[in-house]
N, C-alpha and C. Protein backbone atom coordinates (compact mmCIF):
# COMPACT_ATOMS: atom_id res chain seq x y z
N MET A 1 53.54 86.55 120.63
CA MET A 1 54.82 86.53 120.62
C MET A 1 55.46 84.83 120.34
N LYS A 2 56.19 84.91 119.48
CA LYS A 2 57.02 83.86 119.31
C LYS A 2 57.74 82.90 120.05
N PRO A 3 57.34 81.72 119.66
CA PRO A 3 58.24 81.14 121.09
C PRO A 3 59.76 80.99 120.45
N MET A 4 60.94 80.75 121.39
CA MET A 4 61.87 80.99 121.02
C MET A 4 62.97 79.81 121.47
N HIS A 5 63.73 79.06 120.82
CA HIS A 5 64.75 78.23 121.30
C HIS A 5 66.17 78.68 121.63
N ARG A 6 66.76 78.20 122.73
CA ARG A 6 68.35 78.83 123.29
C ARG A 6 68.71 77.94 122.94
N LEU A 7 70.13 78.27 122.41
CA LEU A 7 71.29 77.32 122.04
C LEU A 7 72.56 77.87 122.83
N GLN A 8 73.28 77.04 123.38
CA GLN A 8 74.54 77.28 124.05
C GLN A 8 75.79 77.52 122.93
N VAL A 9 76.30 78.63 123.10
CA VAL A 9 77.45 79.00 122.05
C VAL A 9 78.81 78.25 122.38
N LEU A 10 79.38 77.43 121.41
CA LEU A 10 80.36 76.88 121.78
C LEU A 10 81.61 77.79 120.78
N LEU A 11 82.92 77.53 121.48
CA LEU A 11 84.03 78.57 120.97
C LEU A 11 85.08 77.23 120.69
N PHE A 12 85.52 77.12 119.46
CA PHE A 12 86.57 76.32 119.37
C PHE A 12 88.15 77.23 119.42
N CYS A 13 88.92 76.41 120.41
CA CYS A 13 89.97 77.71 120.53
C CYS A 13 91.11 76.50 120.60
N GLY A 14 92.02 76.58 119.77
CA GLY A 14 93.27 75.86 119.93
C GLY A 14 93.23 74.20 119.83
N LYS A 15 93.18 73.59 121.26
CA LYS A 15 93.27 72.44 121.69
C LYS A 15 91.96 71.88 122.05
N GLY A 16 90.94 72.69 122.75
CA GLY A 16 90.04 72.48 123.23
C GLY A 16 88.61 72.99 122.77
N VAL A 17 87.35 72.79 123.53
CA VAL A 17 86.41 73.57 123.17
C VAL A 17 85.84 74.51 124.71
N ILE A 18 85.68 75.56 124.15
CA ILE A 18 85.29 76.31 125.74
C ILE A 18 83.64 76.66 125.45
N ILE A 19 82.90 76.45 126.60
CA ILE A 19 81.47 76.39 126.72
C ILE A 19 81.47 77.70 126.97
N THR A 20 80.78 78.56 126.42
CA THR A 20 80.51 79.90 127.25
C THR A 20 79.21 80.19 127.72
N SER A 21 78.95 81.13 128.56
CA SER A 21 77.61 81.34 129.43
C SER A 21 77.08 81.96 128.58
N GLN A 22 77.09 82.37 127.29
CA GLN A 22 76.57 83.02 126.74
C GLN A 22 75.34 81.91 126.08
N GLU A 23 74.18 83.05 125.56
CA GLU A 23 73.40 82.09 125.00
C GLU A 23 72.51 83.04 124.11
N ARG A 24 72.08 82.51 122.94
CA ARG A 24 71.54 83.00 121.73
C ARG A 24 70.45 82.34 121.72
N GLU A 25 69.25 83.51 121.63
CA GLU A 25 67.91 82.91 121.13
C GLU A 25 67.58 82.91 119.54
N ILE A 26 67.39 81.49 119.08
CA ILE A 26 66.72 81.35 117.93
C ILE A 26 65.42 81.44 117.76
N PRO A 27 64.91 82.13 116.64
CA PRO A 27 63.58 82.22 116.64
C PRO A 27 63.09 80.94 115.99
N ALA A 28 61.80 80.22 116.22
CA ALA A 28 61.39 79.08 115.80
C ALA A 28 61.38 78.65 114.19
N GLU A 29 61.13 79.89 113.39
CA GLU A 29 60.72 79.86 112.17
C GLU A 29 62.36 79.18 111.78
N ILE A 30 63.32 79.30 112.23
CA ILE A 30 64.64 78.68 111.57
C ILE A 30 64.43 77.22 111.77
N ASP A 31 64.09 76.44 113.03
CA ASP A 31 63.92 74.96 113.05
C ASP A 31 62.56 74.90 112.11
N GLU A 32 61.82 75.25 111.77
CA GLU A 32 60.89 75.33 110.60
C GLU A 32 61.48 75.00 109.58
N GLN A 33 62.25 75.92 108.65
CA GLN A 33 63.04 76.05 107.62
C GLN A 33 64.24 75.01 107.54
N GLU A 34 64.46 74.61 108.71
CA GLU A 34 65.61 73.82 109.01
C GLU A 34 64.91 72.05 108.27
N ALA A 35 63.76 72.27 109.24
CA ALA A 35 62.93 70.82 109.17
C ALA A 35 62.40 70.52 107.80
N MET A 36 62.35 72.04 106.78
CA MET A 36 61.90 72.02 105.63
C MET A 36 62.87 71.20 105.12
N ARG A 37 63.86 72.22 104.83
CA ARG A 37 65.25 71.56 104.34
C ARG A 37 65.66 70.03 104.11
N LEU A 38 65.58 69.77 105.54
CA LEU A 38 65.97 68.22 105.57
C LEU A 38 65.16 67.19 104.71
N ALA A 39 63.75 67.65 105.02
CA ALA A 39 62.59 66.78 104.04
C ALA A 39 62.75 67.01 102.99
N GLN A 40 63.28 68.24 102.18
CA GLN A 40 63.70 67.95 100.82
C GLN A 40 64.82 67.69 100.39
N ARG A 41 65.88 67.13 101.45
CA ARG A 41 67.05 66.64 101.22
C ARG A 41 66.94 65.08 101.04
N GLU A 42 66.07 64.72 102.15
CA GLU A 42 65.64 62.88 102.07
C GLU A 42 64.65 62.73 101.20
N ASN A 43 63.94 63.38 100.39
CA ASN A 43 63.17 63.27 99.03
C ASN A 43 64.07 63.22 98.22
N ALA A 44 65.07 64.46 98.12
CA ALA A 44 65.71 63.97 96.41
C ALA A 44 66.79 62.83 96.61
N LYS A 45 67.21 62.37 98.01
CA LYS A 45 68.09 60.93 97.99
C LYS A 45 67.18 59.68 98.01
N HIS A 46 65.88 60.08 98.59
CA HIS A 46 64.66 58.74 98.00
C HIS A 46 64.53 58.93 96.46
N VAL A 47 64.55 59.96 95.91
CA VAL A 47 63.87 59.94 94.56
C VAL A 47 65.37 59.40 93.52
N LEU A 48 66.54 60.02 94.02
CA LEU A 48 67.81 59.41 92.96
C LEU A 48 67.92 57.93 93.25
N ARG A 49 67.86 57.49 94.84
CA ARG A 49 67.88 56.05 95.01
C ARG A 49 66.77 55.01 94.18
N GLU A 50 65.90 55.71 94.32
CA GLU A 50 64.63 54.88 93.45
C GLU A 50 64.53 54.84 92.22
N SER A 51 64.84 55.73 91.58
CA SER A 51 65.41 55.74 90.14
C SER A 51 66.18 55.53 89.73
N GLY A 52 67.46 54.86 90.25
CA GLY A 52 68.41 54.40 89.94
C GLY A 52 69.42 55.48 89.41
N LEU A 53 69.38 56.45 89.69
CA LEU A 53 70.08 57.64 89.08
C LEU A 53 71.52 57.85 89.39
N ALA A 54 71.36 57.60 91.20
CA ALA A 54 72.59 57.63 91.81
C ALA A 54 73.61 56.56 91.38
N ASP A 55 73.03 55.33 91.14
CA ASP A 55 73.90 54.41 90.50
C ASP A 55 74.59 54.35 89.40
N MET A 56 73.71 55.13 88.77
CA MET A 56 74.05 55.31 86.75
C MET A 56 75.17 56.63 86.99
N LEU A 57 75.23 57.48 87.92
CA LEU A 57 76.12 58.06 87.97
C LEU A 57 77.33 57.49 88.45
N GLN A 58 77.12 56.82 88.93
CA GLN A 58 78.63 56.55 89.94
C GLN A 58 79.16 55.43 88.84
N ALA A 59 78.25 54.63 87.86
CA ALA A 59 78.66 53.88 87.07
C ALA A 59 79.38 54.43 85.91
N VAL A 60 78.90 55.84 85.42
CA VAL A 60 79.54 56.88 84.37
C VAL A 60 81.11 57.04 85.22
N ASN A 61 80.96 57.26 86.43
CA ASN A 61 82.32 57.96 86.83
C ASN A 61 83.21 56.69 87.00
N ARG A 62 82.93 55.39 87.31
CA ARG A 62 83.55 53.98 87.67
C ARG A 62 84.02 53.87 86.18
N ASN A 63 83.27 53.53 85.09
CA ASN A 63 83.31 53.01 83.97
C ASN A 63 84.27 53.63 82.89
N LEU A 64 83.08 54.81 82.76
CA LEU A 64 83.55 56.12 81.53
C LEU A 64 84.72 56.65 81.90
N LEU A 65 85.25 57.31 83.22
CA LEU A 65 85.92 58.23 83.86
C LEU A 65 87.03 57.85 84.23
N LYS A 66 86.84 56.67 84.69
CA LYS A 66 87.92 55.85 85.32
C LYS A 66 88.16 56.33 86.93
N GLY A 67 86.96 56.80 87.44
CA GLY A 67 87.15 57.26 88.95
C GLY A 67 87.67 58.76 89.23
N ARG A 68 87.81 59.38 88.11
CA ARG A 68 88.45 61.12 87.72
C ARG A 68 87.34 62.14 88.14
N GLY A 69 85.94 61.49 87.78
CA GLY A 69 84.87 62.63 88.26
C GLY A 69 84.73 62.90 89.68
N TRP A 70 83.66 63.82 90.46
CA TRP A 70 83.65 63.85 91.61
C TRP A 70 82.03 64.36 91.59
N PHE A 71 81.74 64.46 93.14
CA PHE A 71 80.31 64.81 92.91
C PHE A 71 80.14 65.93 94.32
N GLU A 72 79.56 67.15 93.86
CA GLU A 72 78.94 68.11 94.73
C GLU A 72 77.51 68.05 94.92
N GLU A 73 77.09 67.55 96.30
CA GLU A 73 75.99 67.51 96.85
C GLU A 73 75.28 68.52 97.64
N TYR A 74 74.01 69.00 97.04
CA TYR A 74 73.31 70.06 97.76
C TYR A 74 72.30 69.35 98.27
N ASP A 75 71.21 70.20 98.87
CA ASP A 75 70.24 69.80 99.30
C ASP A 75 69.17 68.96 98.37
N THR A 76 68.67 69.76 97.26
CA THR A 76 67.80 69.16 96.20
C THR A 76 68.84 68.77 94.66
N LEU A 77 70.15 68.67 94.45
CA LEU A 77 70.93 68.92 93.66
C LEU A 77 72.10 68.53 93.52
N VAL A 78 72.81 67.66 92.56
CA VAL A 78 73.71 67.05 92.32
C VAL A 78 74.45 67.37 91.20
N LEU A 79 75.91 67.86 91.18
CA LEU A 79 76.80 68.20 90.51
C LEU A 79 77.65 67.38 90.39
N PHE A 80 77.34 66.55 88.86
CA PHE A 80 78.75 65.66 88.64
C PHE A 80 79.45 66.11 87.65
N LYS A 81 80.88 66.39 87.99
CA LYS A 81 82.27 67.26 87.96
C LYS A 81 83.33 66.41 87.36
N TRP A 82 83.66 66.29 86.05
CA TRP A 82 85.05 65.95 85.36
C TRP A 82 85.90 67.25 84.77
N GLY A 83 86.97 66.37 84.50
CA GLY A 83 87.74 67.22 83.36
C GLY A 83 88.66 68.33 84.21
N THR A 84 89.87 68.60 83.88
CA THR A 84 90.20 69.93 84.30
C THR A 84 90.79 71.29 83.31
N GLY A 85 91.16 72.46 83.88
CA GLY A 85 91.57 73.28 83.30
C GLY A 85 90.44 73.74 82.07
N TYR A 86 90.86 73.61 80.82
CA TYR A 86 90.05 73.97 79.83
C TYR A 86 89.04 73.19 79.15
N THR A 87 89.25 71.97 80.00
CA THR A 87 88.20 70.51 79.77
C THR A 87 86.86 70.24 80.80
N LYS A 88 87.02 71.12 81.74
CA LYS A 88 85.85 70.87 82.85
C LYS A 88 84.89 70.97 82.33
N ARG A 89 83.67 69.67 82.51
CA ARG A 89 82.73 69.49 82.20
C ARG A 89 81.81 69.25 84.03
N HIS A 90 80.49 69.15 83.55
CA HIS A 90 79.64 69.05 84.55
C HIS A 90 78.20 68.57 83.82
N ILE A 91 77.36 67.63 84.93
CA ILE A 91 76.17 67.37 84.54
C ILE A 91 75.53 68.30 86.00
N TRP A 92 74.59 68.77 85.83
CA TRP A 92 73.56 69.27 86.74
C TRP A 92 72.16 68.57 87.06
N VAL A 93 72.09 67.91 87.81
CA VAL A 93 70.99 67.01 88.30
C VAL A 93 69.95 67.89 89.55
N GLU A 94 68.92 67.79 89.38
CA GLU A 94 67.89 68.69 90.34
C GLU A 94 66.65 67.81 90.31
N VAL A 95 66.24 67.69 91.74
CA VAL A 95 65.12 66.86 92.12
C VAL A 95 64.46 67.83 92.39
N GLU A 96 62.87 67.88 91.94
CA GLU A 96 62.11 68.97 92.40
C GLU A 96 60.62 68.20 92.59
N GLY A 97 60.23 68.16 94.08
CA GLY A 97 59.06 66.79 94.03
C GLY A 97 59.41 65.54 93.92
N SER A 98 58.69 64.84 92.67
CA SER A 98 59.14 63.42 92.52
C SER A 98 59.70 63.53 90.98
N ASN A 99 59.86 64.80 90.48
CA ASN A 99 60.73 65.18 89.19
C ASN A 99 62.11 65.22 89.17
N ILE A 100 62.77 64.95 88.23
CA ILE A 100 64.47 64.77 88.06
C ILE A 100 64.41 66.00 87.03
N ARG A 101 65.08 66.71 86.95
CA ARG A 101 65.38 67.72 86.22
C ARG A 101 66.88 67.76 86.03
N PHE A 102 67.35 67.66 84.52
CA PHE A 102 68.64 67.89 84.45
C PHE A 102 69.01 69.43 83.46
N ARG A 103 69.72 70.24 84.01
CA ARG A 103 70.00 71.51 83.56
C ARG A 103 71.09 71.50 82.18
N LEU A 104 70.37 72.57 81.60
CA LEU A 104 71.46 72.48 80.05
C LEU A 104 71.71 73.76 80.05
N LEU A 105 72.42 74.18 78.66
CA LEU A 105 72.63 75.70 78.43
C LEU A 105 71.55 75.75 77.94
N PRO A 106 71.00 77.40 78.09
CA PRO A 106 69.91 77.73 77.68
C PRO A 106 69.80 77.32 75.67
N HIS A 107 68.32 76.88 75.43
CA HIS A 107 68.48 76.47 73.92
C HIS A 107 66.90 76.52 73.78
N ARG A 108 66.62 76.23 72.34
CA ARG A 108 65.24 76.61 72.15
C ARG A 108 64.63 75.06 72.52
N LYS A 109 63.38 75.21 72.51
CA LYS A 109 62.56 74.16 73.44
C LYS A 109 62.21 72.94 72.27
N CYS A 110 62.93 71.70 72.79
CA CYS A 110 62.59 70.85 72.22
C CYS A 110 61.66 70.26 71.47
N ALA A 111 61.10 69.92 70.47
CA ALA A 111 60.07 69.21 69.56
C ALA A 111 59.36 67.97 70.42
N ALA A 112 60.57 67.04 70.82
CA ALA A 112 60.05 65.82 71.43
C ALA A 112 59.36 66.13 72.78
N ALA A 113 58.22 64.97 73.04
CA ALA A 113 57.45 65.55 73.81
C ALA A 113 58.01 64.73 75.49
N VAL A 114 58.87 63.90 75.29
CA VAL A 114 59.79 63.44 76.46
C VAL A 114 61.14 63.38 76.20
N PRO A 115 62.15 64.01 77.09
CA PRO A 115 61.43 64.59 78.30
C PRO A 115 60.79 66.13 77.94
N ILE A 116 60.25 66.34 79.23
CA ILE A 116 59.61 67.86 79.09
C ILE A 116 60.79 69.01 78.87
N CYS A 117 60.67 69.90 78.09
CA CYS A 117 61.63 70.72 77.88
C CYS A 117 61.03 71.94 78.21
N ASP A 118 61.65 73.20 79.09
CA ASP A 118 61.45 74.44 78.95
C ASP A 118 62.22 75.11 78.34
N GLY A 119 63.42 74.68 77.96
CA GLY A 119 64.42 75.88 76.98
C GLY A 119 65.63 75.78 78.06
N GLU A 120 65.77 75.45 79.49
CA GLU A 120 66.75 75.37 80.57
C GLU A 120 66.95 74.04 80.85
N TYR A 121 65.76 73.49 81.11
CA TYR A 121 65.73 71.97 82.00
C TYR A 121 64.97 71.18 80.73
N HIS A 122 65.62 69.80 81.26
CA HIS A 122 65.05 68.66 80.68
C HIS A 122 64.07 68.05 82.21
N THR A 123 63.25 67.64 82.07
CA THR A 123 62.34 67.20 83.31
C THR A 123 61.86 65.77 83.00
N LEU A 124 61.72 65.10 83.90
CA LEU A 124 61.43 63.69 83.68
C LEU A 124 60.70 63.51 85.13
N THR A 125 59.56 63.42 84.48
CA THR A 125 58.40 62.85 86.07
C THR A 125 58.83 61.62 86.33
N GLN A 126 57.91 61.23 87.73
CA GLN A 126 58.08 59.84 87.86
C GLN A 126 58.02 58.92 87.08
N ALA A 127 56.77 59.27 86.31
CA ALA A 127 56.08 57.96 85.20
C ALA A 127 57.56 57.85 84.40
N MET A 128 58.25 59.00 83.67
CA MET A 128 59.21 58.88 82.95
C MET A 128 60.32 58.04 83.51
N TRP A 129 61.02 58.58 84.88
CA TRP A 129 61.90 57.92 85.25
C TRP A 129 61.68 56.54 85.62
N SER A 130 61.02 56.03 85.57
CA SER A 130 60.50 54.77 86.51
C SER A 130 60.84 53.86 85.00
N ASN A 131 60.84 54.25 83.91
CA ASN A 131 61.36 53.70 82.66
C ASN A 131 63.01 53.91 82.74
N HIS A 132 63.58 52.66 83.10
CA HIS A 132 65.43 53.05 83.40
C HIS A 132 65.80 53.10 82.00
N ASP A 133 65.43 52.70 81.05
CA ASP A 133 65.81 53.09 79.53
C ASP A 133 65.54 54.54 79.00
N LEU A 134 64.68 54.84 79.54
CA LEU A 134 64.57 56.61 79.00
C LEU A 134 65.70 57.13 80.12
N LEU A 135 65.61 57.04 81.36
CA LEU A 135 66.32 57.92 82.32
C LEU A 135 68.07 57.68 81.80
N GLN A 136 68.49 56.11 81.44
CA GLN A 136 69.61 55.86 80.97
C GLN A 136 70.02 56.49 79.72
N ASN A 137 69.06 56.83 78.83
CA ASN A 137 69.50 57.74 77.55
C ASN A 137 69.42 58.84 77.73
N GLU A 138 68.73 59.44 78.45
CA GLU A 138 69.11 61.14 79.06
C GLU A 138 70.34 61.25 79.69
N LEU A 139 70.73 60.27 80.24
CA LEU A 139 72.21 60.53 81.12
C LEU A 139 73.03 60.25 79.90
N HIS A 140 72.74 59.50 78.89
CA HIS A 140 74.13 59.51 78.28
C HIS A 140 73.90 60.72 77.38
N ARG A 141 72.60 61.30 76.76
CA ARG A 141 72.87 62.64 76.05
C ARG A 141 73.55 63.49 76.80
N ARG A 142 73.59 63.46 78.35
CA ARG A 142 73.54 64.56 79.02
C ARG A 142 75.76 64.39 79.21
N TYR A 143 75.72 63.30 79.16
CA TYR A 143 77.02 63.00 79.32
C TYR A 143 77.92 63.24 78.06
N ASP A 144 77.29 62.97 76.75
CA ASP A 144 77.65 63.41 75.25
C ASP A 144 78.00 64.54 75.17
N ARG A 145 77.02 65.60 75.80
CA ARG A 145 76.93 66.77 75.47
C ARG A 145 76.93 67.48 76.76
N PRO A 146 77.63 67.56 77.43
CA PRO A 146 77.77 68.00 79.26
C PRO A 146 77.64 69.66 79.03
N VAL A 147 77.48 70.01 80.08
CA VAL A 147 77.84 71.76 80.37
C VAL A 147 79.11 72.20 80.56
N ALA A 148 79.62 72.81 79.80
CA ALA A 148 81.11 73.20 80.05
C ALA A 148 81.34 74.35 80.86
N GLU A 149 82.53 74.27 81.55
CA GLU A 149 82.31 75.33 82.85
C GLU A 149 83.82 76.41 82.14
N SER A 150 83.33 77.59 82.60
CA SER A 150 84.79 78.63 82.14
C SER A 150 86.05 78.31 82.89
N SER A 151 87.13 78.46 82.47
CA SER A 151 88.28 78.25 83.22
C SER A 151 88.80 79.23 83.77
N SER A 152 89.10 78.60 85.01
CA SER A 152 88.98 79.53 86.02
C SER A 152 90.87 80.53 86.05
N ASP A 153 91.35 80.58 84.47
CA ASP A 153 92.43 81.28 84.11
C ASP A 153 92.15 82.70 84.16
């Protein structure tokens, strides 16, 4: 028999909170999944800070876009978006272990050895992103050739 945790249900209604006497049982696997998700999120934050990429993205937003961009953060990825209507663009950055991956439009594999290309992602290993010039050059290429988003019209 698997261990279960009890969670009291809170209902938000109008001006206050009502605590019900109902209790739901939550499987222990959910706690393990949540712990794994939080560990991946913390690792991604650590890699983005240590590589300097978080600061570089903020600098692009501040200096090149005059603060008109915005960030959508998920557990292991960050979407940096800018533009409106027909000009909406984004840079998709994902952290996988200690690697930083930039998602691109599907293309033929690049001939260059750095960054590692699989036809959809450019991947920078920790040894690669430790070289801040290399990381900055890849970010600059992604800013110059961002992924265009389809119009919502």
